[in-house]
């Protein structure tokens, strides 16, 4: 029993560390640049615009897929679509690993993503993009599914008890 408790604490510690790294990724412009990302791209001086918000689902995703970036490279597609999915897979995996409820976890994740996006706008280091929130949720669900599928396979083989 003591070993299981230590393992669970270790997993939670790893998840917290990963969340801190994810936070630093989202706010890298705040920590690294003297000039904000928005000012750099649009030459806006501490002003806000409706252009900083995308509330239309899949608008930017379709744009990223149909316009793969400079010189036809896929790095633009990777950094704007796949990266946001891949970054949130470990969070979904960890949430399932520590056996948190899916509905509450996905709701909490959506709220966190909205807060992060609004903070990026408030600090003029990014935009509010509903597509990136959707992509992060897809990554979260994939991680949760991957761990859940692994648990179901182990239950079928009799390796672990069904604790749900």
N, C-alpha and C. Protein backbone atom coordinates (compact mmCIF):
# COMPACT_ATOMS: atom_id res chain seq x y z
N UNK A 1 0.82 -1.19 0.00
CA UNK A 1 0.00 0.00 0.00
C UNK A 1 0.86 1.26 0.00
N UNK A 2 1.96 1.22 0.77
CA UNK A 2 2.86 2.37 0.87
C UNK A 2 3.54 2.64 -0.47
N UNK A 3 3.91 1.58 -1.18
CA UNK A 3 4.56 1.72 -2.48
C UNK A 3 3.60 2.38 -3.47
N UNK A 4 2.34 1.99 -3.46
CA UNK A 4 1.34 2.57 -4.37
C UNK A 4 1.17 4.05 -4.09
N UNK A 5 1.16 4.44 -2.82
CA UNK A 5 1.03 5.84 -2.45
C UNK A 5 2.23 6.65 -2.93
N UNK A 6 3.42 6.10 -2.79
CA UNK A 6 4.64 6.78 -3.25
C UNK A 6 4.61 6.92 -4.78
N UNK A 7 4.18 5.86 -5.47
CA UNK A 7 4.08 5.91 -6.93
C UNK A 7 3.09 6.98 -7.37
N UNK A 8 1.96 7.06 -6.69
CA UNK A 8 0.94 8.05 -7.05
C UNK A 8 1.46 9.46 -6.82
N UNK A 9 2.16 9.68 -5.72
CA UNK A 9 2.74 11.00 -5.44
C UNK A 9 3.79 11.35 -6.49
N UNK A 10 4.58 10.37 -6.90
CA UNK A 10 5.59 10.60 -7.92
C UNK A 10 4.92 11.00 -9.25
N UNK A 11 3.87 10.28 -9.61
CA UNK A 11 3.15 10.59 -10.85
C UNK A 11 2.54 11.98 -10.80
N UNK A 12 1.99 12.35 -9.66
CA UNK A 12 1.41 13.69 -9.51
C UNK A 12 2.52 14.75 -9.61
N UNK A 13 3.67 14.47 -9.04
CA UNK A 13 4.81 15.40 -9.12
C UNK A 13 5.25 15.59 -10.56
N UNK A 14 5.32 14.50 -11.32
CA UNK A 14 5.69 14.57 -12.73
C UNK A 14 4.65 15.39 -13.50
N UNK A 15 3.38 15.17 -13.20
CA UNK A 15 2.32 15.92 -13.88
C UNK A 15 2.42 17.42 -13.57
N UNK A 16 2.70 17.76 -12.33
CA UNK A 16 2.84 19.16 -11.96
C UNK A 16 4.03 19.79 -12.69
N UNK A 17 5.14 19.07 -12.76
CA UNK A 17 6.31 19.56 -13.49
C UNK A 17 5.99 19.76 -14.96
N UNK A 18 5.29 18.81 -15.56
CA UNK A 18 4.91 18.94 -16.96
C UNK A 18 3.98 20.13 -17.16
N UNK A 19 3.04 20.33 -16.25
CA UNK A 19 2.13 21.48 -16.33
C UNK A 19 2.90 22.80 -16.25
N UNK A 20 3.93 22.86 -15.40
CA UNK A 20 4.76 24.07 -15.33
C UNK A 20 5.50 24.31 -16.64
N UNK A 21 6.02 23.25 -17.23
CA UNK A 21 6.69 23.38 -18.53
C UNK A 21 5.71 23.81 -19.61
N UNK A 22 4.50 23.28 -19.56
CA UNK A 22 3.46 23.67 -20.51
C UNK A 22 3.10 25.14 -20.33
N UNK A 23 3.00 25.58 -19.09
CA UNK A 23 2.73 26.98 -18.79
C UNK A 23 3.83 27.87 -19.37
N UNK A 24 5.08 27.45 -19.21
CA UNK A 24 6.20 28.23 -19.76
C UNK A 24 6.13 28.26 -21.28
N UNK A 25 5.70 27.17 -21.91
CA UNK A 25 5.54 27.14 -23.36
C UNK A 25 4.50 28.17 -23.80
N UNK A 26 3.37 28.18 -23.13
CA UNK A 26 2.29 29.10 -23.51
C UNK A 26 2.67 30.56 -23.28
N UNK A 27 3.49 30.82 -22.28
CA UNK A 27 3.84 32.19 -21.94
C UNK A 27 5.30 32.52 -22.23
N UNK A 28 5.90 31.80 -23.17
CA UNK A 28 7.30 32.03 -23.50
C UNK A 28 7.54 33.46 -23.97
N UNK A 29 6.58 34.04 -24.65
CA UNK A 29 6.72 35.43 -25.09
C UNK A 29 6.79 36.40 -23.93
N UNK A 30 6.14 36.08 -22.85
CA UNK A 30 6.15 36.94 -21.67
C UNK A 30 7.50 36.86 -20.96
N UNK A 31 8.09 35.68 -20.93
CA UNK A 31 9.35 35.48 -20.21
C UNK A 31 10.57 35.83 -21.05
N UNK A 32 10.47 35.74 -22.37
CA UNK A 32 11.66 35.85 -23.21
C UNK A 32 11.79 37.16 -23.97
N UNK A 33 10.68 37.79 -24.33
CA UNK A 33 10.74 38.98 -25.18
C UNK A 33 10.48 40.25 -24.39
N UNK A 34 11.18 41.29 -24.78
CA UNK A 34 10.87 42.60 -24.23
C UNK A 34 9.69 43.20 -24.98
N UNK A 35 9.58 42.90 -26.26
CA UNK A 35 8.46 43.37 -27.06
C UNK A 35 7.46 42.23 -27.17
N UNK A 36 6.21 42.52 -27.06
CA UNK A 36 5.22 41.46 -27.11
C UNK A 36 5.09 40.90 -28.52
N UNK A 37 4.62 39.68 -28.59
CA UNK A 37 4.40 39.00 -29.87
C UNK A 37 3.43 39.80 -30.74
N UNK A 38 2.38 40.29 -30.14
CA UNK A 38 1.36 41.04 -30.89
C UNK A 38 1.96 42.33 -31.44
N UNK A 39 2.75 43.03 -30.65
CA UNK A 39 3.38 44.26 -31.11
C UNK A 39 4.37 43.97 -32.24
N UNK A 40 5.08 42.86 -32.10
CA UNK A 40 6.07 42.49 -33.10
C UNK A 40 5.43 42.18 -34.44
N UNK A 41 4.32 41.45 -34.42
CA UNK A 41 3.65 41.04 -35.66
C UNK A 41 2.85 42.19 -36.29
N UNK A 42 2.08 42.88 -35.48
CA UNK A 42 1.15 43.86 -36.02
C UNK A 42 1.53 45.31 -35.75
N UNK A 43 2.64 45.54 -35.06
CA UNK A 43 3.07 46.88 -34.71
C UNK A 43 2.00 47.64 -33.92
N UNK A 44 1.23 46.92 -33.14
CA UNK A 44 0.26 47.57 -32.27
C UNK A 44 0.98 48.00 -31.01
N UNK A 45 0.65 49.12 -30.50
CA UNK A 45 1.27 49.61 -29.28
C UNK A 45 0.27 49.54 -28.14
N UNK A 46 0.34 48.46 -27.40
CA UNK A 46 -0.51 48.26 -26.23
C UNK A 46 -1.99 48.52 -26.51
N UNK A 47 -2.45 48.05 -27.64
CA UNK A 47 -3.87 48.19 -27.95
C UNK A 47 -4.46 46.83 -28.29
N UNK A 48 -5.73 46.74 -28.11
CA UNK A 48 -6.43 45.48 -28.37
C UNK A 48 -7.31 45.65 -29.59
N UNK A 49 -7.54 44.54 -30.27
CA UNK A 49 -8.36 44.56 -31.47
C UNK A 49 -9.16 43.27 -31.54
N UNK A 50 -10.26 43.32 -32.25
CA UNK A 50 -11.08 42.12 -32.43
C UNK A 50 -10.31 41.06 -33.22
N UNK A 51 -9.29 41.48 -33.96
CA UNK A 51 -8.47 40.53 -34.72
C UNK A 51 -7.68 39.60 -33.82
N UNK A 52 -7.61 39.92 -32.53
CA UNK A 52 -6.87 39.09 -31.58
C UNK A 52 -7.70 37.90 -31.10
N UNK A 53 -8.93 37.80 -31.58
CA UNK A 53 -9.83 36.74 -31.13
C UNK A 53 -10.33 35.95 -32.33
N UNK A 54 -10.33 34.63 -32.19
CA UNK A 54 -10.96 33.75 -33.18
C UNK A 54 -11.97 32.89 -32.43
N UNK A 55 -13.24 33.18 -32.63
CA UNK A 55 -14.30 32.42 -31.99
C UNK A 55 -14.96 31.42 -32.94
N UNK A 56 -14.50 31.36 -34.18
CA UNK A 56 -15.09 30.49 -35.19
C UNK A 56 -14.32 29.17 -35.22
N UNK A 57 -14.96 28.08 -34.77
CA UNK A 57 -14.25 26.80 -34.75
C UNK A 57 -13.78 26.37 -36.14
N UNK A 58 -12.58 25.83 -36.18
CA UNK A 58 -11.94 25.25 -37.36
C UNK A 58 -11.51 26.28 -38.41
N UNK A 59 -11.71 27.57 -38.18
CA UNK A 59 -11.31 28.58 -39.15
C UNK A 59 -9.80 28.57 -39.37
N UNK A 60 -9.02 28.62 -38.31
CA UNK A 60 -7.57 28.62 -38.46
C UNK A 60 -7.03 27.25 -38.83
N UNK A 61 -7.67 26.19 -38.35
CA UNK A 61 -7.22 24.84 -38.71
C UNK A 61 -7.31 24.65 -40.22
N UNK A 62 -8.42 25.05 -40.80
CA UNK A 62 -8.59 24.94 -42.26
C UNK A 62 -7.55 25.80 -42.97
N UNK A 63 -7.30 26.99 -42.43
CA UNK A 63 -6.29 27.87 -43.03
C UNK A 63 -4.90 27.23 -42.96
N UNK A 64 -4.54 26.65 -41.81
CA UNK A 64 -3.23 26.03 -41.66
C UNK A 64 -3.07 24.83 -42.60
N UNK A 65 -4.14 24.07 -42.80
CA UNK A 65 -4.06 22.90 -43.68
C UNK A 65 -3.98 23.32 -45.14
N UNK A 66 -4.77 24.32 -45.52
CA UNK A 66 -4.79 24.73 -46.93
C UNK A 66 -3.58 25.60 -47.29
N UNK A 67 -2.95 26.24 -46.32
CA UNK A 67 -1.75 27.06 -46.55
C UNK A 67 -0.63 26.53 -45.66
N UNK A 68 0.12 25.55 -46.14
CA UNK A 68 1.08 24.86 -45.26
C UNK A 68 2.26 25.70 -44.79
N UNK A 69 2.33 26.94 -45.14
CA UNK A 69 3.40 27.78 -44.61
C UNK A 69 4.35 28.27 -45.67
N UNK A 70 5.37 28.93 -45.19
CA UNK A 70 6.37 29.49 -46.08
C UNK A 70 7.09 28.38 -46.83
N UNK A 71 7.30 28.59 -48.08
CA UNK A 71 8.03 27.65 -48.95
C UNK A 71 7.40 26.25 -48.96
N UNK A 72 6.12 26.15 -48.63
CA UNK A 72 5.43 24.88 -48.69
C UNK A 72 5.85 23.89 -47.63
N UNK A 73 6.55 24.34 -46.60
CA UNK A 73 7.04 23.44 -45.56
C UNK A 73 5.93 23.00 -44.61
N UNK A 74 6.14 21.86 -43.99
CA UNK A 74 5.13 21.35 -43.06
C UNK A 74 5.36 21.82 -41.63
N UNK A 75 6.47 22.55 -41.38
CA UNK A 75 6.74 23.01 -40.02
C UNK A 75 5.65 23.94 -39.51
N UNK A 76 5.08 24.73 -40.39
CA UNK A 76 3.98 25.62 -40.03
C UNK A 76 2.76 24.82 -39.59
N UNK A 77 2.46 23.77 -40.35
CA UNK A 77 1.36 22.89 -40.01
C UNK A 77 1.63 22.17 -38.68
N UNK A 78 2.86 21.71 -38.49
CA UNK A 78 3.23 21.01 -37.27
C UNK A 78 3.10 21.91 -36.05
N UNK A 79 3.67 23.12 -36.13
CA UNK A 79 3.67 24.00 -34.96
C UNK A 79 2.30 24.57 -34.64
N UNK A 80 1.42 24.61 -35.60
CA UNK A 80 0.11 25.20 -35.34
C UNK A 80 -1.01 24.20 -35.15
N UNK A 81 -0.80 22.96 -35.50
CA UNK A 81 -1.86 21.96 -35.31
C UNK A 81 -1.34 20.79 -34.47
N UNK A 82 -0.40 20.05 -34.98
CA UNK A 82 0.05 18.83 -34.31
C UNK A 82 0.67 19.11 -32.94
N UNK A 83 1.42 20.19 -32.82
CA UNK A 83 2.07 20.49 -31.56
C UNK A 83 1.06 20.68 -30.43
N UNK A 84 -0.04 21.37 -30.71
CA UNK A 84 -1.03 21.61 -29.66
C UNK A 84 -1.75 20.32 -29.26
N UNK A 85 -1.86 19.38 -30.17
CA UNK A 85 -2.42 18.07 -29.81
C UNK A 85 -1.40 17.29 -28.98
N UNK A 86 -0.17 17.23 -29.47
CA UNK A 86 0.87 16.44 -28.80
C UNK A 86 1.18 16.96 -27.39
N UNK A 87 1.12 18.26 -27.19
CA UNK A 87 1.44 18.82 -25.88
C UNK A 87 0.44 18.41 -24.80
N UNK A 88 -0.79 18.12 -25.19
CA UNK A 88 -1.82 17.83 -24.19
C UNK A 88 -2.09 16.34 -24.01
N UNK A 89 -1.48 15.49 -24.83
CA UNK A 89 -1.64 14.04 -24.64
C UNK A 89 -1.13 13.60 -23.27
N UNK A 90 0.05 14.04 -22.81
CA UNK A 90 0.50 13.61 -21.48
C UNK A 90 -0.44 14.04 -20.35
N UNK A 91 -1.07 15.20 -20.48
CA UNK A 91 -2.00 15.65 -19.43
C UNK A 91 -3.18 14.69 -19.34
N UNK A 92 -3.77 14.33 -20.48
CA UNK A 92 -4.87 13.36 -20.47
C UNK A 92 -4.44 12.01 -19.92
N UNK A 93 -3.24 11.60 -20.28
CA UNK A 93 -2.70 10.32 -19.79
C UNK A 93 -2.54 10.37 -18.27
N UNK A 94 -1.95 11.43 -17.76
CA UNK A 94 -1.73 11.55 -16.31
C UNK A 94 -3.05 11.64 -15.55
N UNK A 95 -4.01 12.36 -16.11
CA UNK A 95 -5.31 12.48 -15.44
C UNK A 95 -5.96 11.10 -15.32
N UNK A 96 -5.88 10.31 -16.35
CA UNK A 96 -6.43 8.95 -16.28
C UNK A 96 -5.60 8.08 -15.35
N UNK A 97 -4.31 8.30 -15.35
CA UNK A 97 -3.41 7.51 -14.51
C UNK A 97 -3.74 7.69 -13.02
N UNK A 98 -4.06 8.90 -12.62
CA UNK A 98 -4.39 9.13 -11.21
C UNK A 98 -5.89 9.00 -10.95
N UNK A 99 -6.60 8.48 -11.95
CA UNK A 99 -8.00 8.09 -11.86
C UNK A 99 -8.93 9.24 -11.50
N UNK A 100 -8.76 10.36 -12.20
CA UNK A 100 -9.69 11.47 -12.04
C UNK A 100 -10.85 11.29 -13.02
N UNK A 101 -11.97 11.86 -12.70
CA UNK A 101 -13.17 11.76 -13.52
C UNK A 101 -12.98 12.49 -14.85
N UNK A 102 -13.37 11.86 -15.96
CA UNK A 102 -13.16 12.44 -17.28
C UNK A 102 -13.94 13.73 -17.47
N UNK A 103 -15.23 13.73 -17.15
CA UNK A 103 -16.07 14.91 -17.40
C UNK A 103 -15.56 16.12 -16.62
N UNK A 104 -15.23 15.94 -15.36
CA UNK A 104 -14.72 17.05 -14.56
C UNK A 104 -13.36 17.49 -15.08
N UNK A 105 -12.54 16.54 -15.49
CA UNK A 105 -11.19 16.86 -15.97
C UNK A 105 -11.23 17.62 -17.29
N UNK A 106 -12.09 17.22 -18.21
CA UNK A 106 -12.16 17.92 -19.50
C UNK A 106 -12.74 19.30 -19.31
N UNK A 107 -13.71 19.44 -18.42
CA UNK A 107 -14.27 20.76 -18.13
C UNK A 107 -13.21 21.67 -17.52
N UNK A 108 -12.45 21.15 -16.57
CA UNK A 108 -11.38 21.91 -15.95
C UNK A 108 -10.32 22.29 -16.99
N UNK A 109 -9.99 21.37 -17.89
CA UNK A 109 -9.01 21.63 -18.95
C UNK A 109 -9.49 22.75 -19.87
N UNK A 110 -10.76 22.72 -20.25
CA UNK A 110 -11.31 23.77 -21.12
C UNK A 110 -11.25 25.12 -20.41
N UNK A 111 -11.60 25.16 -19.14
CA UNK A 111 -11.55 26.42 -18.39
C UNK A 111 -10.11 26.93 -18.32
N UNK A 112 -9.16 26.04 -18.03
CA UNK A 112 -7.74 26.44 -17.97
C UNK A 112 -7.28 26.98 -19.32
N UNK A 113 -7.66 26.32 -20.40
CA UNK A 113 -7.25 26.77 -21.73
C UNK A 113 -7.84 28.13 -22.07
N UNK A 114 -9.08 28.37 -21.70
CA UNK A 114 -9.70 29.67 -21.94
C UNK A 114 -8.99 30.75 -21.14
N UNK A 115 -8.69 30.46 -19.88
CA UNK A 115 -7.97 31.43 -19.04
C UNK A 115 -6.59 31.72 -19.63
N UNK A 116 -5.87 30.69 -20.05
CA UNK A 116 -4.55 30.89 -20.66
C UNK A 116 -4.67 31.78 -21.90
N UNK A 117 -5.64 31.50 -22.75
CA UNK A 117 -5.82 32.30 -23.97
C UNK A 117 -6.16 33.74 -23.65
N UNK A 118 -7.00 33.96 -22.67
CA UNK A 118 -7.35 35.33 -22.29
C UNK A 118 -6.16 36.06 -21.68
N UNK A 119 -5.36 35.35 -20.90
CA UNK A 119 -4.16 35.97 -20.33
C UNK A 119 -3.16 36.35 -21.42
N UNK A 120 -3.04 35.50 -22.44
CA UNK A 120 -2.14 35.82 -23.55
C UNK A 120 -2.58 37.10 -24.25
N UNK A 121 -3.88 37.28 -24.40
CA UNK A 121 -4.39 38.51 -24.99
C UNK A 121 -4.15 39.69 -24.05
N UNK A 122 -4.42 39.50 -22.77
CA UNK A 122 -4.27 40.58 -21.79
C UNK A 122 -2.83 41.08 -21.73
N UNK A 123 -1.86 40.16 -21.83
CA UNK A 123 -0.45 40.55 -21.78
C UNK A 123 0.13 40.86 -23.16
N UNK A 124 -0.72 40.83 -24.19
CA UNK A 124 -0.30 41.09 -25.57
C UNK A 124 0.83 40.17 -26.03
N UNK A 125 0.73 38.90 -25.65
CA UNK A 125 1.74 37.94 -26.09
C UNK A 125 1.14 36.85 -26.98
N UNK A 126 -0.11 37.00 -27.35
CA UNK A 126 -0.75 36.01 -28.21
C UNK A 126 -2.19 36.35 -28.48
N UNK A 127 -2.88 35.40 -29.05
CA UNK A 127 -4.25 35.58 -29.47
C UNK A 127 -5.16 34.57 -28.79
N UNK A 128 -6.44 34.87 -28.75
CA UNK A 128 -7.44 33.91 -28.29
C UNK A 128 -7.89 33.15 -29.52
N UNK A 129 -7.60 31.86 -29.55
CA UNK A 129 -7.93 31.04 -30.72
C UNK A 129 -8.69 29.80 -30.26
N UNK A 130 -9.95 29.74 -30.60
CA UNK A 130 -10.79 28.61 -30.21
C UNK A 130 -10.26 27.32 -30.81
N UNK A 131 -9.60 27.41 -31.95
CA UNK A 131 -9.05 26.21 -32.60
C UNK A 131 -7.94 25.58 -31.75
N UNK A 132 -7.10 26.40 -31.15
CA UNK A 132 -6.04 25.84 -30.31
C UNK A 132 -6.61 25.22 -29.04
N UNK A 133 -7.72 25.76 -28.57
CA UNK A 133 -8.40 25.15 -27.42
C UNK A 133 -8.97 23.79 -27.83
N UNK A 134 -9.57 23.72 -29.01
CA UNK A 134 -10.10 22.45 -29.51
C UNK A 134 -8.98 21.42 -29.72
N UNK A 135 -7.88 21.86 -30.29
CA UNK A 135 -6.75 20.94 -30.53
C UNK A 135 -6.18 20.42 -29.22
N UNK A 136 -6.06 21.29 -28.22
CA UNK A 136 -5.57 20.86 -26.91
C UNK A 136 -6.54 19.86 -26.28
N UNK A 137 -7.83 20.07 -26.44
CA UNK A 137 -8.83 19.14 -25.90
C UNK A 137 -8.75 17.79 -26.61
N UNK A 138 -8.49 17.81 -27.91
CA UNK A 138 -8.31 16.56 -28.65
C UNK A 138 -7.10 15.80 -28.10
N UNK A 139 -6.01 16.51 -27.86
CA UNK A 139 -4.83 15.89 -27.29
C UNK A 139 -5.10 15.32 -25.90
N UNK A 140 -5.82 16.08 -25.08
CA UNK A 140 -6.19 15.61 -23.74
C UNK A 140 -7.00 14.32 -23.84
N UNK A 141 -8.01 14.31 -24.72
CA UNK A 141 -8.86 13.13 -24.89
C UNK A 141 -8.07 11.93 -25.42
N UNK A 142 -7.13 12.18 -26.33
CA UNK A 142 -6.28 11.10 -26.84
C UNK A 142 -5.45 10.48 -25.73
N UNK A 143 -4.84 11.32 -24.90
CA UNK A 143 -4.05 10.81 -23.79
C UNK A 143 -4.90 10.01 -22.82
N UNK A 144 -6.09 10.50 -22.52
CA UNK A 144 -7.00 9.80 -21.62
C UNK A 144 -7.40 8.46 -22.22
N UNK A 145 -7.71 8.46 -23.53
CA UNK A 145 -8.10 7.24 -24.23
C UNK A 145 -6.96 6.22 -24.27
N UNK A 146 -5.75 6.69 -24.55
CA UNK A 146 -4.60 5.79 -24.62
C UNK A 146 -4.40 5.07 -23.28
N UNK A 147 -4.47 5.82 -22.20
CA UNK A 147 -4.29 5.20 -20.89
C UNK A 147 -5.47 4.29 -20.56
N UNK A 148 -6.68 4.72 -20.88
CA UNK A 148 -7.86 3.92 -20.61
C UNK A 148 -7.82 2.61 -21.39
N UNK A 149 -7.41 2.68 -22.64
CA UNK A 149 -7.31 1.48 -23.48
C UNK A 149 -6.26 0.52 -22.91
N UNK A 150 -5.14 1.06 -22.44
CA UNK A 150 -4.11 0.22 -21.82
C UNK A 150 -4.63 -0.45 -20.56
N UNK A 151 -5.39 0.27 -19.75
CA UNK A 151 -5.97 -0.33 -18.54
C UNK A 151 -6.97 -1.43 -18.89
N UNK A 152 -7.79 -1.20 -19.92
CA UNK A 152 -8.78 -2.21 -20.31
C UNK A 152 -8.10 -3.48 -20.80
N UNK A 153 -7.02 -3.33 -21.55
CA UNK A 153 -6.28 -4.51 -22.02
C UNK A 153 -5.66 -5.27 -20.86
N UNK A 154 -5.14 -4.55 -19.86
CA UNK A 154 -4.54 -5.21 -18.70
C UNK A 154 -5.60 -5.87 -17.84
N UNK A 155 -6.80 -5.27 -17.76
CA UNK A 155 -7.90 -5.89 -17.01
C UNK A 155 -8.31 -7.20 -17.69
N UNK A 156 -8.41 -7.18 -19.03
CA UNK A 156 -8.79 -8.38 -19.76
C UNK A 156 -7.78 -9.51 -19.56
N UNK A 157 -6.51 -9.16 -19.47
CA UNK A 157 -5.47 -10.16 -19.27
C UNK A 157 -5.34 -10.57 -17.81
N UNK A 158 -6.11 -9.93 -16.92
CA UNK A 158 -6.08 -10.27 -15.51
C UNK A 158 -4.88 -9.71 -14.76
N UNK A 159 -4.23 -8.74 -15.34
CA UNK A 159 -3.05 -8.17 -14.70
C UNK A 159 -3.39 -7.19 -13.59
N UNK A 160 -4.54 -6.49 -13.73
CA UNK A 160 -4.96 -5.57 -12.68
C UNK A 160 -6.44 -5.74 -12.42
N UNK A 161 -6.87 -5.29 -11.25
CA UNK A 161 -8.29 -5.34 -10.91
C UNK A 161 -9.00 -4.17 -11.55
N UNK A 162 -10.26 -4.33 -11.83
CA UNK A 162 -11.09 -3.24 -12.32
C UNK A 162 -11.50 -2.40 -11.13
N UNK A 163 -10.89 -1.20 -11.03
CA UNK A 163 -11.15 -0.32 -9.89
C UNK A 163 -12.23 0.69 -10.17
N UNK A 164 -12.75 0.73 -11.37
CA UNK A 164 -13.77 1.74 -11.72
C UNK A 164 -15.15 1.28 -11.34
